[in-house]
Amino acid sequence: MHPMLNIAVRAARAAGNYVAKSFEQPEKVEAQTKGTHDWVTNVDKEAERLIIETIKKSYPDHAFIGEEGGIQGESDYQWVIDPLDGTTNFLRGIPHFCISIALRVKGKTEQAVVFDPIRGELFTASRGVGAQLNGKRLRVAQTRDMEGTLMATGLPFKQRQHYPSFMTIFTAIFEKAADVRRSGSAALDLSYLAAGRIDGFFELGLKPWDIAAGELIAREAGAIVTDFSGGHDYFKSGNIVAAPARLLPSLLGTIKPHLTDAIRR
């Protein structure tokens, strides 16, 4: 395991242990809104602090961008952190959430960890080396067309102006697929794609910390990741489509007729 990935795993486990213990003590969780239907808790903030503290012990000069703490420092080495992806699930007692950590070097994601502390599942990837789940190599499902597929998505609840267009796209995909899941954690959705548990993923308006770790894990397992037009601007736009290479043309072909100018990227 790459030394920097090893540190990321250590940080994810430290935060994951804290999050899992907090999940068993809901009376100690303090929540507040930071936007419409968008929550943050004392657990998110403490988990992010634990992650940064762990990484800084080995790499004190690196920079960080976290969902709760924003941008800290300047460096070619930037850690992108979501300390609790799936906060709403966490608050509602739904055991489906994760810690997501990625290292980007000069704008390219090099290392990634997504840790589900409830199931004890550790998804990891290093660029050019492959993706693993608890040490076992991951490969995406070898799906060829939309029929019979299990897709995953997230609703754009923070960008409700896109609801009509998104629901048209959702309907077009749902008509061809066997089913569509909405789990509440983009990082886990992308990791599940890497593990072959789902066949494809699409979502609008994600942030860098939602995408960074999961998309590397998916790509290193054989997925192709694009924006809604098939380009590669998804990290900037937050509009992402991911699927095995054989399935992606069919998925994009289903999406493209329903794109508006606002989401054509």
C-alpha atoms as a PDB file:
ATOM      1  CA  MET A   1       0.000   0.000   0.000  1.00  0.00           C
ATOM      2  CA  HIS A   2       1.284   3.474  -0.899  1.00  0.00           C
ATOM      3  CA  PRO A   3       2.493   5.348   2.223  1.00  0.00           C
ATOM      4  CA  MET A   4       0.050   8.216   1.653  1.00  0.00           C
ATOM      5  CA  LEU A   5      -2.822   5.785   1.163  1.00  0.00           C
ATOM      6  CA  ASN A   6      -1.815   4.083   4.381  1.00  0.00           C
ATOM      7  CA  ILE A   7      -2.104   7.410   6.234  1.00  0.00           C
ATOM      8  CA  ALA A   8      -5.491   8.053   4.614  1.00  0.00           C
ATOM      9  CA  VAL A   9      -6.697   4.642   5.798  1.00  0.00           C
ATOM     10  CA  ARG A  10      -5.464   5.399   9.315  1.00  0.00           C
ATOM     11  CA  ALA A  11      -7.355   8.712   9.287  1.00  0.00           C
ATOM     12  CA  ALA A  12     -10.525   7.112   7.897  1.00  0.00           C
ATOM     13  CA  ARG A  13     -10.494   4.406  10.563  1.00  0.00           C
ATOM     14  CA  ALA A  14      -9.954   6.947  13.349  1.00  0.00           C
ATOM     15  CA  ALA A  15     -12.893   9.016  12.141  1.00  0.00           C
ATOM     16  CA  GLY A  16     -14.967   5.921  11.404  1.00  0.00           C
ATOM     17  CA  ASN A  17     -14.563   4.553  14.906  1.00  0.00           C
ATOM     18  CA  TYR A  18     -15.723   7.879  16.334  1.00  0.00           C
ATOM     19  CA  VAL A  19     -18.687   8.091  13.941  1.00  0.00           C
ATOM     20  CA  ALA A  20     -19.776   4.513  14.672  1.00  0.00           C
ATOM     21  CA  LYS A  21     -19.694   5.116  18.449  1.00  0.00           C
ATOM     22  CA  SER A  22     -21.652   8.351  17.991  1.00  0.00           C
ATOM     23  CA  PHE A  23     -24.258   6.503  15.913  1.00  0.00           C
ATOM     24  CA  GLU A  24     -24.961   4.344  18.979  1.00  0.00           C
ATOM     25  CA  GLN A  25     -25.441   7.458  21.140  1.00  0.00           C
ATOM     26  CA  PRO A  26     -27.930   9.643  19.237  1.00  0.00           C
ATOM     27  CA  GLU A  27     -28.756  11.635  22.353  1.00  0.00           C
ATOM     28  CA  LYS A  28     -25.263  13.172  22.146  1.00  0.00           C
ATOM     29  CA  VAL A  29     -25.587  14.254  18.513  1.00  0.00           C
ATOM     30  CA  GLU A  30     -26.171  17.975  17.953  1.00  0.00           C
ATOM     31  CA  ALA A  31     -27.519  18.956  14.547  1.00  0.00           C
ATOM     32  CA  GLN A  32     -28.077  22.266  12.801  1.00  0.00           C
ATOM     33  CA  THR A  33     -29.004  23.331   9.290  1.00  0.00           C
ATOM     34  CA  LYS A  34     -26.447  24.848   6.951  1.00  0.00           C
ATOM     35  CA  GLY A  35     -28.858  25.169   4.027  1.00  0.00           C
ATOM     36  CA  THR A  36     -32.235  23.981   2.808  1.00  0.00           C
ATOM     37  CA  HIS A  37     -32.613  20.336   3.892  1.00  0.00           C
ATOM     38  CA  ASP A  38     -28.845  20.250   4.480  1.00  0.00           C
ATOM     39  CA  TRP A  39     -27.550  19.253   7.901  1.00  0.00           C
ATOM     40  CA  VAL A  40     -24.300  19.353   9.816  1.00  0.00           C
ATOM     41  CA  THR A  41     -23.635  17.779  13.208  1.00  0.00           C
ATOM     42  CA  ASN A  42     -21.000  17.968  15.901  1.00  0.00           C
ATOM     43  CA  VAL A  43     -20.025  14.482  14.697  1.00  0.00           C
ATOM     44  CA  ASP A  44     -19.208  15.747  11.169  1.00  0.00           C
ATOM     45  CA  LYS A  45     -17.010  18.489  12.609  1.00  0.00           C
ATOM     46  CA  GLU A  46     -15.167  16.262  15.060  1.00  0.00           C
ATOM     47  CA  ALA A  47     -14.633  13.530  12.451  1.00  0.00           C
ATOM     48  CA  GLU A  48     -13.112  16.080  10.074  1.00  0.00           C
ATOM     49  CA  ARG A  49     -10.844  17.360  12.842  1.00  0.00           C
ATOM     50  CA  LEU A  50      -9.659  13.811  13.576  1.00  0.00           C
ATOM     51  CA  ILE A  51      -8.906  13.176   9.899  1.00  0.00           C
ATOM     52  CA  ILE A  52      -6.908  16.381   9.454  1.00  0.00           C
ATOM     53  CA  GLU A  53      -5.058  15.882  12.727  1.00  0.00           C
ATOM     54  CA  THR A  54      -4.051  12.340  11.723  1.00  0.00           C
ATOM     55  CA  ILE A  55      -2.827  13.378   8.284  1.00  0.00           C
ATOM     56  CA  LYS A  56      -0.975  16.454   9.554  1.00  0.00           C
ATOM     57  CA  LYS A  57       1.143  14.286  11.848  1.00  0.00           C
ATOM     58  CA  SER A  58       2.769  12.820   8.728  1.00  0.00           C
ATOM     59  CA  TYR A  59       2.260  15.649   6.222  1.00  0.00           C
ATOM     60  CA  PRO A  60       2.117  18.988   8.067  1.00  0.00           C
ATOM     61  CA  ASP A  61       2.641  21.057   4.916  1.00  0.00           C
ATOM     62  CA  HIS A  62      -0.219  19.583   2.893  1.00  0.00           C
ATOM     63  CA  ALA A  63      -3.439  21.480   2.147  1.00  0.00           C
ATOM     64  CA  PHE A  64      -6.992  20.402   2.938  1.00  0.00           C
ATOM     65  CA  ILE A  65     -10.463  20.982   1.573  1.00  0.00           C
ATOM     66  CA  GLY A  66     -13.243  19.645   3.746  1.00  0.00           C
ATOM     67  CA  GLU A  67     -17.014  19.816   3.637  1.00  0.00           C
ATOM     68  CA  GLU A  68     -17.123  21.478   7.030  1.00  0.00           C
ATOM     69  CA  GLY A  69     -13.795  23.325   7.281  1.00  0.00           C
ATOM     70  CA  GLY A  70     -13.403  24.640   3.760  1.00  0.00           C
ATOM     71  CA  ILE A  71      -9.951  25.204   2.257  1.00  0.00           C
ATOM     72  CA  GLN A  72      -6.987  25.127   4.606  1.00  0.00           C
ATOM     73  CA  GLY A  73      -3.488  25.910   3.337  1.00  0.00           C
ATOM     74  CA  GLU A  74      -1.894  25.931  -0.105  1.00  0.00           C
ATOM     75  CA  SER A  75       0.086  23.054  -1.569  1.00  0.00           C
ATOM     76  CA  ASP A  76       0.380  20.842  -4.636  1.00  0.00           C
ATOM     77  CA  TYR A  77      -0.837  18.120  -2.259  1.00  0.00           C
ATOM     78  CA  GLN A  78      -4.474  18.647  -1.331  1.00  0.00           C
ATOM     79  CA  TRP A  79      -6.578  16.274   0.784  1.00  0.00           C
ATOM     80  CA  VAL A  80     -10.289  16.340  -0.085  1.00  0.00           C
ATOM     81  CA  ILE A  81     -12.426  15.206   2.837  1.00  0.00           C
ATOM     82  CA  ASP A  82     -16.047  14.365   3.504  1.00  0.00           C
ATOM     83  CA  PRO A  83     -16.002  13.312   7.160  1.00  0.00           C
ATOM     84  CA  LEU A  84     -19.547  11.925   7.059  1.00  0.00           C
ATOM     85  CA  ASP A  85     -21.082  11.349   3.644  1.00  0.00           C
ATOM     86  CA  GLY A  86     -24.701  10.532   4.395  1.00  0.00           C
ATOM     87  CA  THR A  87     -25.356  12.855   7.324  1.00  0.00           C
ATOM     88  CA  THR A  88     -29.140  12.672   6.899  1.00  0.00           C
ATOM     89  CA  ASN A  89     -28.997   8.867   7.047  1.00  0.00           C
ATOM     90  CA  PHE A  90     -26.841   9.153  10.175  1.00  0.00           C
ATOM     91  CA  LEU A  91     -29.298  11.521  11.842  1.00  0.00           C
ATOM     92  CA  ARG A  92     -32.266   9.305  11.025  1.00  0.00           C
ATOM     93  CA  GLY A  93     -30.655   6.147  12.336  1.00  0.00           C
ATOM     94  CA  ILE A  94     -30.167   4.655   8.853  1.00  0.00           C
ATOM     95  CA  PRO A  95     -26.851   2.724   8.899  1.00  0.00           C
ATOM     96  CA  HIS A  96     -25.641   3.816   5.476  1.00  0.00           C
ATOM     97  CA  PHE A  97     -22.910   6.475   5.509  1.00  0.00           C
ATOM     98  CA  CYS A  98     -19.148   6.671   5.154  1.00  0.00           C
ATOM     99  CA  ILE A  99     -15.934   8.596   5.554  1.00  0.00           C
ATOM    100  CA  SER A 100     -14.432   9.765   2.250  1.00  0.00           C
ATOM    101  CA  ILE A 101     -10.815  10.907   1.845  1.00  0.00           C
ATOM    102  CA  ALA A 102      -8.901  11.611  -1.366  1.00  0.00           C
ATOM    103  CA  LEU A 103      -5.446  13.005  -2.075  1.00  0.00           C
ATOM    104  CA  ARG A 104      -5.097  15.184  -5.155  1.00  0.00           C
ATOM    105  CA  VAL A 105      -1.613  16.066  -6.393  1.00  0.00           C
ATOM    106  CA  LYS A 106      -1.372  18.981  -8.834  1.00  0.00           C
ATOM    107  CA  GLY A 107      -5.053  18.577  -9.648  1.00  0.00           C
ATOM    108  CA  LYS A 108      -5.058  14.796 -10.158  1.00  0.00           C
ATOM    109  CA  THR A 109      -6.554  12.351  -7.670  1.00  0.00           C
ATOM    110  CA  GLU A 110      -3.830   9.913  -6.645  1.00  0.00           C
ATOM    111  CA  GLN A 111      -5.158   8.122  -3.535  1.00  0.00           C
ATOM    112  CA  ALA A 112      -8.660   7.395  -2.274  1.00  0.00           C
ATOM    113  CA  VAL A 113     -10.383   5.834   0.715  1.00  0.00           C
ATOM    114  CA  VAL A 114     -14.083   5.308   1.360  1.00  0.00           C
ATOM    115  CA  PHE A 115     -14.785   3.658   4.707  1.00  0.00           C
ATOM    116  CA  ASP A 116     -18.174   2.337   5.845  1.00  0.00           C
ATOM    117  CA  PRO A 117     -17.704   2.033   9.624  1.00  0.00           C
ATOM    118  CA  ILE A 118     -20.950   0.155  10.215  1.00  0.00           C
ATOM    119  CA  ARG A 119     -20.228  -2.695   7.778  1.00  0.00           C
ATOM    120  CA  GLY A 120     -16.466  -2.504   8.217  1.00  0.00           C
ATOM    121  CA  GLU A 121     -15.967  -2.103   4.464  1.00  0.00           C
ATOM    122  CA  LEU A 122     -12.822  -0.279   3.383  1.00  0.00           C
ATOM    123  CA  PHE A 123     -12.688   0.726  -0.281  1.00  0.00           C
ATOM    124  CA  THR A 124      -9.278   1.971  -1.450  1.00  0.00           C
ATOM    125  CA  ALA A 125      -7.567   2.962  -4.687  1.00  0.00           C
ATOM    126  CA  SER A 126      -4.254   4.299  -5.953  1.00  0.00           C
ATOM    127  CA  ARG A 127      -4.096   5.832  -9.425  1.00  0.00           C
ATOM    128  CA  GLY A 128      -2.833   3.293 -11.945  1.00  0.00           C
ATOM    129  CA  VAL A 129      -2.704   0.475  -9.393  1.00  0.00           C
ATOM    130  CA  GLY A 130      -6.350  -0.571  -9.031  1.00  0.00           C
ATOM    131  CA  ALA A 131      -9.119  -0.555  -6.426  1.00  0.00           C
ATOM    132  CA  GLN A 132      -9.728  -2.886  -3.518  1.00  0.00           C
ATOM    133  CA  LEU A 133     -12.350  -3.741  -0.914  1.00  0.00           C
ATOM    134  CA  ASN A 134     -10.804  -4.976   2.319  1.00  0.00           C
ATOM    135  CA  GLY A 135      -7.709  -5.995   0.344  1.00  0.00           C
ATOM    136  CA  LYS A 136      -9.509  -7.802  -2.499  1.00  0.00           C
ATOM    137  CA  ARG A 137      -9.348  -6.484  -6.065  1.00  0.00           C
ATOM    138  CA  LEU A 138     -12.486  -4.804  -7.401  1.00  0.00           C
ATOM    139  CA  ARG A 139     -13.890  -4.902 -10.929  1.00  0.00           C
ATOM    140  CA  VAL A 140     -17.067  -3.318 -12.251  1.00  0.00           C
ATOM    141  CA  ALA A 141     -19.855  -5.500 -13.606  1.00  0.00           C
ATOM    142  CA  GLN A 142     -19.502  -6.361 -17.295  1.00  0.00           C
ATOM    143  CA  THR A 143     -22.871  -4.900 -18.244  1.00  0.00           C
ATOM    144  CA  ARG A 144     -23.562  -4.195 -21.912  1.00  0.00           C
ATOM    145  CA  ASP A 145     -26.983  -2.518 -22.105  1.00  0.00           C
ATOM    146  CA  MET A 146     -29.579  -0.851 -19.897  1.00  0.00           C
ATOM    147  CA  GLU A 147     -32.025  -3.730 -19.713  1.00  0.00           C
ATOM    148  CA  GLY A 148     -31.910  -5.404 -16.318  1.00  0.00           C
ATOM    149  CA  THR A 149     -29.478  -2.921 -14.801  1.00  0.00           C
ATOM    150  CA  LEU A 150     -29.523  -1.611 -11.251  1.00  0.00           C
ATOM    151  CA  MET A 151     -28.721   2.096 -11.276  1.00  0.00           C
ATOM    152  CA  ALA A 152     -28.042   4.562  -8.456  1.00  0.00           C
ATOM    153  CA  THR A 153     -28.629   8.294  -8.203  1.00  0.00           C
ATOM    154  CA  GLY A 154     -29.213  11.180  -5.839  1.00  0.00           C
ATOM    155  CA  LEU A 155     -31.909  13.825  -6.085  1.00  0.00           C
ATOM    156  CA  PRO A 156     -30.702  17.429  -6.558  1.00  0.00           C
ATOM    157  CA  PHE A 157     -32.339  18.669  -3.351  1.00  0.00           C
ATOM    158  CA  LYS A 158     -29.867  21.568  -3.137  1.00  0.00           C
ATOM    159  CA  GLN A 159     -30.601  22.634  -6.739  1.00  0.00           C
ATOM    160  CA  ARG A 160     -34.343  22.314  -7.024  1.00  0.00           C
ATOM    161  CA  GLN A 161     -34.397  24.416 -10.188  1.00  0.00           C
ATOM    162  CA  HIS A 162     -33.138  21.285 -11.964  1.00  0.00           C
ATOM    163  CA  TYR A 163     -35.921  19.002 -10.674  1.00  0.00           C
ATOM    164  CA  PRO A 164     -38.055  19.010 -13.866  1.00  0.00           C
ATOM    165  CA  SER A 165     -35.086  18.186 -16.122  1.00  0.00           C
ATOM    166  CA  PHE A 166     -33.654  15.668 -13.686  1.00  0.00           C
ATOM    167  CA  MET A 167     -36.956  13.847 -13.307  1.00  0.00           C
ATOM    168  CA  THR A 168     -37.251  13.566 -17.093  1.00  0.00           C
ATOM    169  CA  ILE A 169     -33.796  11.981 -17.190  1.00  0.00           C
ATOM    170  CA  PHE A 170     -34.655   9.773 -14.208  1.00  0.00           C
ATOM    171  CA  THR A 171     -37.823   8.540 -15.926  1.00  0.00           C
ATOM    172  CA  ALA A 172     -35.994   7.757 -19.170  1.00  0.00           C
ATOM    173  CA  ILE A 173     -33.415   5.673 -17.277  1.00  0.00           C
ATOM    174  CA  PHE A 174     -36.010   4.011 -15.046  1.00  0.00           C
ATOM    175  CA  GLU A 175     -38.002   2.890 -18.098  1.00  0.00           C
ATOM    176  CA  LYS A 176     -34.965   0.973 -19.389  1.00  0.00           C
ATOM    177  CA  ALA A 177     -33.350  -0.227 -16.155  1.00  0.00           C
ATOM    178  CA  ALA A 178     -34.587  -2.887 -13.759  1.00  0.00           C
ATOM    179  CA  ASP A 179     -34.549  -0.370 -10.895  1.00  0.00           C
ATOM    180  CA  VAL A 180     -32.962   2.829  -9.600  1.00  0.00           C
ATOM    181  CA  ARG A 181     -31.662   3.239  -6.033  1.00  0.00           C
ATOM    182  CA  ARG A 182     -31.248   6.473  -4.051  1.00  0.00           C
ATOM    183  CA  SER A 183     -29.079   5.629  -1.034  1.00  0.00           C
ATOM    184  CA  GLY A 184     -28.043   9.050   0.275  1.00  0.00           C
ATOM    185  CA  SER A 185     -24.267   8.629  -0.105  1.00  0.00           C
ATOM    186  CA  ALA A 186     -22.583   9.369  -3.428  1.00  0.00           C
ATOM    187  CA  ALA A 187     -19.222   8.075  -2.196  1.00  0.00           C
ATOM    188  CA  LEU A 188     -20.739   4.694  -1.359  1.00  0.00           C
ATOM    189  CA  ASP A 189     -22.695   4.638  -4.632  1.00  0.00           C
ATOM    190  CA  LEU A 190     -19.459   5.053  -6.601  1.00  0.00           C
ATOM    191  CA  SER A 191     -17.733   2.438  -4.443  1.00  0.00           C
ATOM    192  CA  TYR A 192     -20.640   0.028  -4.980  1.00  0.00           C
ATOM    193  CA  LEU A 193     -20.258   0.606  -8.718  1.00  0.00           C
ATOM    194  CA  ALA A 194     -16.600  -0.397  -8.378  1.00  0.00           C
ATOM    195  CA  ALA A 195     -17.667  -3.564  -6.542  1.00  0.00           C
ATOM    196  CA  GLY A 196     -20.224  -4.535  -9.209  1.00  0.00           C
ATOM    197  CA  ARG A 197     -23.145  -4.102  -6.803  1.00  0.00           C
ATOM    198  CA  ILE A 198     -24.739  -1.508  -9.060  1.00  0.00           C
ATOM    199  CA  ASP A 199     -24.297  -1.005 -12.798  1.00  0.00           C
ATOM    200  CA  GLY A 200     -24.230   2.761 -13.114  1.00  0.00           C
ATOM    201  CA  PHE A 201     -24.496   6.067 -11.282  1.00  0.00           C
ATOM    202  CA  PHE A 202     -25.684   9.563 -12.213  1.00  0.00           C
ATOM    203  CA  GLU A 203     -26.189  12.701 -10.133  1.00  0.00           C
ATOM    204  CA  LEU A 204     -26.295  16.487 -10.427  1.00  0.00           C
ATOM    205  CA  GLY A 205     -24.636  19.194  -8.370  1.00  0.00           C
ATOM    206  CA  LEU A 206     -22.142  17.251  -6.279  1.00  0.00           C
ATOM    207  CA  LYS A 207     -19.214  18.909  -4.509  1.00  0.00           C
ATOM    208  CA  PRO A 208     -15.528  17.908  -4.801  1.00  0.00           C
ATOM    209  CA  TRP A 209     -15.634  16.094  -1.451  1.00  0.00           C
ATOM    210  CA  ASP A 210     -18.651  14.065  -2.651  1.00  0.00           C
ATOM    211  CA  ILE A 211     -16.819  12.916  -5.783  1.00  0.00           C
ATOM    212  CA  ALA A 212     -13.063  12.806  -5.263  1.00  0.00           C
ATOM    213  CA  ALA A 213     -12.506   9.462  -3.513  1.00  0.00           C
ATOM    214  CA  GLY A 214     -15.400   7.534  -5.028  1.00  0.00           C
ATOM    215  CA  GLU A 215     -14.665   8.439  -8.618  1.00  0.00           C
ATOM    216  CA  LEU A 216     -11.046   7.230  -8.380  1.00  0.00           C
ATOM    217  CA  ILE A 217     -12.192   3.963  -6.798  1.00  0.00           C
ATOM    218  CA  ALA A 218     -14.750   3.499  -9.584  1.00  0.00           C
ATOM    219  CA  ARG A 219     -12.246   4.352 -12.344  1.00  0.00           C
ATOM    220  CA  GLU A 220      -9.567   2.070 -10.953  1.00  0.00           C
ATOM    221  CA  ALA A 221     -12.140  -0.754 -10.950  1.00  0.00           C
ATOM    222  CA  GLY A 222     -12.817  -0.206 -14.655  1.00  0.00           C
ATOM    223  CA  ALA A 223     -15.600   2.393 -14.756  1.00  0.00           C
ATOM    224  CA  ILE A 224     -15.619   5.366 -17.083  1.00  0.00           C
ATOM    225  CA  VAL A 225     -16.587   8.638 -15.404  1.00  0.00           C
ATOM    226  CA  THR A 226     -17.923  11.626 -17.364  1.00  0.00           C
ATOM    227  CA  ASP A 227     -20.216  14.596 -17.073  1.00  0.00           C
ATOM    228  CA  PHE A 228     -23.759  14.454 -18.487  1.00  0.00           C
ATOM    229  CA  SER A 229     -22.535  15.211 -22.013  1.00  0.00           C
ATOM    230  CA  GLY A 230     -19.784  12.610 -21.945  1.00  0.00           C
ATOM    231  CA  GLY A 231     -17.027  15.138 -21.238  1.00  0.00           C
ATOM    232  CA  HIS A 232     -14.621  15.309 -18.334  1.00  0.00           C
ATOM    233  CA  ASP A 233     -15.704  18.466 -16.518  1.00  0.00           C
ATOM    234  CA  TYR A 234     -17.541  16.614 -13.759  1.00  0.00           C
ATOM    235  CA  PHE A 235     -15.159  17.597 -10.969  1.00  0.00           C
ATOM    236  CA  LYS A 236     -15.858  21.261 -11.670  1.00  0.00           C
ATOM    237  CA  SER A 237     -19.576  21.039 -12.505  1.00  0.00           C
ATOM    238  CA  GLY A 238     -20.512  18.310 -10.024  1.00  0.00           C
ATOM    239  CA  ASN A 239     -22.638  16.624 -12.687  1.00  0.00           C
ATOM    240  CA  ILE A 240     -21.446  13.043 -12.935  1.00  0.00           C
ATOM    241  CA  VAL A 241     -22.213   9.840 -14.827  1.00  0.00           C
ATOM    242  CA  ALA A 242     -20.285   6.629 -14.161  1.00  0.00           C
ATOM    243  CA  ALA A 243     -20.626   3.157 -15.653  1.00  0.00           C
ATOM    244  CA  PRO A 244     -18.645   0.263 -17.119  1.00  0.00           C
ATOM    245  CA  ALA A 245     -17.187   1.079 -20.545  1.00  0.00           C
ATOM    246  CA  ARG A 246     -19.644  -1.170 -22.402  1.00  0.00           C
ATOM    247  CA  LEU A 247     -22.678   0.354 -20.674  1.00  0.00           C
ATOM    248  CA  LEU A 248     -21.705   4.029 -20.710  1.00  0.00           C
ATOM    249  CA  PRO A 249     -22.726   4.781 -24.332  1.00  0.00           C
ATOM    250  CA  SER A 250     -26.211   3.412 -23.682  1.00  0.00           C
ATOM    251  CA  LEU A 251     -26.552   5.344 -20.425  1.00  0.00           C
ATOM    252  CA  LEU A 252     -25.351   8.614 -21.970  1.00  0.00           C
ATOM    253  CA  GLY A 253     -27.559   7.988 -24.985  1.00  0.00           C
ATOM    254  CA  THR A 254     -30.549   7.727 -22.660  1.00  0.00           C
ATOM    255  CA  ILE A 255     -29.616  10.958 -20.871  1.00  0.00           C
ATOM    256  CA  LYS A 256     -28.600  13.244 -23.756  1.00  0.00           C
ATOM    257  CA  PRO A 257     -32.017  13.808 -25.413  1.00  0.00           C
ATOM    258  CA  HIS A 258     -33.291  15.282 -22.147  1.00  0.00           C
ATOM    259  CA  LEU A 259     -30.421  17.638 -21.303  1.00  0.00           C
ATOM    260  CA  THR A 260     -31.024  21.342 -20.835  1.00  0.00           C
ATOM    261  CA  ASP A 261     -28.360  24.006 -21.345  1.00  0.00           C
ATOM    262  CA  ALA A 262     -28.072  24.349 -17.565  1.00  0.00           C
ATOM    263  CA  ILE A 263     -26.970  20.745 -17.069  1.00  0.00           C
ATOM    264  CA  ARG A 264     -25.268  20.059 -20.417  1.00  0.00           C
ATOM    265  CA  ARG A 265     -21.901  19.437 -18.775  1.00  0.00           C
END
